[in-house]
């Protein structure tokens, strides 16, 4: 896990950039549709992360566990 996580954090954006470039070479104008899809998926992922962080903060702030 110590090697895999940094490797994924580096190679995933490089793979996405390479994919967008190949899309531009193969389909030209359709790269805009691919970029729109990437923007929507990024927004969805950010929304999920923010919701989880907000709920975790609420439970840590207000939770009183019975002893």
C-alpha atoms as a PDB file:
ATOM      1  CA  UNK A   1       0.000   0.000   0.000  1.00  0.00           C
ATOM      2  CA  UNK A   2       2.919   2.342   0.630  1.00  0.00           C
ATOM      3  CA  UNK A   3       3.957   2.107  -3.014  1.00  0.00           C
ATOM      4  CA  UNK A   4       0.565   1.575  -4.656  1.00  0.00           C
ATOM      5  CA  UNK A   5      -1.149   4.731  -3.409  1.00  0.00           C
ATOM      6  CA  UNK A   6       1.450   7.245  -4.687  1.00  0.00           C
ATOM      7  CA  UNK A   7       1.752   5.278  -7.914  1.00  0.00           C
ATOM      8  CA  UNK A   8      -2.002   5.499  -8.505  1.00  0.00           C
ATOM      9  CA  UNK A   9      -2.044   9.194  -7.600  1.00  0.00           C
ATOM     10  CA  UNK A  10       0.556   9.849 -10.297  1.00  0.00           C
ATOM     11  CA  UNK A  11      -0.466   7.467 -13.068  1.00  0.00           C
ATOM     12  CA  UNK A  12      -4.224   8.113 -13.018  1.00  0.00           C
ATOM     13  CA  UNK A  13      -4.052  11.807 -14.033  1.00  0.00           C
ATOM     14  CA  UNK A  14      -1.389  10.962 -16.610  1.00  0.00           C
ATOM     15  CA  UNK A  15      -3.648   8.273 -18.045  1.00  0.00           C
ATOM     16  CA  UNK A  16      -6.598  10.660 -18.206  1.00  0.00           C
ATOM     17  CA  UNK A  17      -4.501  13.294 -19.976  1.00  0.00           C
ATOM     18  CA  UNK A  18      -3.227  10.664 -22.417  1.00  0.00           C
ATOM     19  CA  UNK A  19      -6.802   9.493 -23.014  1.00  0.00           C
ATOM     20  CA  UNK A  20      -7.973  13.030 -23.783  1.00  0.00           C
ATOM     21  CA  UNK A  21      -5.077  13.457 -26.204  1.00  0.00           C
ATOM     22  CA  UNK A  22      -5.878  10.190 -27.975  1.00  0.00           C
ATOM     23  CA  UNK A  23      -9.541  11.202 -28.143  1.00  0.00           C
ATOM     24  CA  UNK A  24      -8.507  14.450 -29.794  1.00  0.00           C
ATOM     25  CA  UNK A  25      -6.357  12.587 -32.326  1.00  0.00           C
ATOM     26  CA  UNK A  26      -9.072  10.055 -33.168  1.00  0.00           C
ATOM     27  CA  UNK A  27     -12.299  12.016 -32.965  1.00  0.00           C
ATOM     28  CA  UNK A  28     -11.339  15.690 -32.961  1.00  0.00           C
ATOM     29  CA  UNK A  29     -14.385  17.627 -31.774  1.00  0.00           C
ATOM     30  CA  UNK A  30     -15.724  14.811 -29.632  1.00  0.00           C
ATOM     31  CA  UNK A  31     -13.010  15.592 -27.094  1.00  0.00           C
ATOM     32  CA  UNK A  32     -15.360  18.277 -25.751  1.00  0.00           C
ATOM     33  CA  UNK A  33     -17.923  15.605 -24.886  1.00  0.00           C
ATOM     34  CA  UNK A  34     -15.238  13.617 -23.104  1.00  0.00           C
ATOM     35  CA  UNK A  35     -14.111  16.685 -21.165  1.00  0.00           C
ATOM     36  CA  UNK A  36     -17.729  17.421 -20.222  1.00  0.00           C
ATOM     37  CA  UNK A  37     -18.099  13.856 -18.953  1.00  0.00           C
ATOM     38  CA  UNK A  38     -14.897  14.218 -16.919  1.00  0.00           C
ATOM     39  CA  UNK A  39     -16.184  17.486 -15.436  1.00  0.00           C
ATOM     40  CA  UNK A  40     -19.503  15.894 -14.425  1.00  0.00           C
ATOM     41  CA  UNK A  41     -17.780  12.873 -12.872  1.00  0.00           C
ATOM     42  CA  UNK A  42     -15.339  15.104 -10.987  1.00  0.00           C
ATOM     43  CA  UNK A  43     -18.208  17.183  -9.649  1.00  0.00           C
ATOM     44  CA  UNK A  44     -20.065  14.052  -8.562  1.00  0.00           C
ATOM     45  CA  UNK A  45     -16.998  12.664  -6.784  1.00  0.00           C
ATOM     46  CA  UNK A  46     -16.362  15.990  -5.044  1.00  0.00           C
ATOM     47  CA  UNK A  47     -19.995  16.136  -3.910  1.00  0.00           C
ATOM     48  CA  UNK A  48     -19.775  12.658  -2.386  1.00  0.00           C
ATOM     49  CA  UNK A  49     -16.502  13.477  -0.603  1.00  0.00           C
ATOM     50  CA  UNK A  50     -17.896  16.724   0.802  1.00  0.00           C
ATOM     51  CA  UNK A  51     -21.082  15.012   1.999  1.00  0.00           C
ATOM     52  CA  UNK A  52     -19.113  12.271   3.767  1.00  0.00           C
ATOM     53  CA  UNK A  53     -16.814  14.808   5.424  1.00  0.00           C
ATOM     54  CA  UNK A  54     -19.779  16.940   6.533  1.00  0.00           C
ATOM     55  CA  UNK A  55     -21.599  13.939   8.021  1.00  0.00           C
ATOM     56  CA  UNK A  56     -18.450  12.741   9.792  1.00  0.00           C
ATOM     57  CA  UNK A  57     -17.954  16.192  11.305  1.00  0.00           C
ATOM     58  CA  UNK A  58     -21.567  16.295  12.489  1.00  0.00           C
ATOM     59  CA  UNK A  59     -21.332  12.882  14.117  1.00  0.00           C
ATOM     60  CA  UNK A  60     -18.015  13.705  15.795  1.00  0.00           C
ATOM     61  CA  UNK A  61     -19.304  17.038  17.062  1.00  0.00           C
ATOM     62  CA  UNK A  62     -22.679  15.913  18.370  1.00  0.00           C
ATOM     63  CA  UNK A  63     -22.272  12.231  19.144  1.00  0.00           C
ATOM     64  CA  UNK A  64     -22.273  11.227  22.774  1.00  0.00           C
ATOM     65  CA  UNK A  65     -21.689   7.515  22.960  1.00  0.00           C
ATOM     66  CA  UNK A  66     -23.432   5.749  25.825  1.00  0.00           C
ATOM     67  CA  UNK A  67     -21.037   4.332  28.368  1.00  0.00           C
END
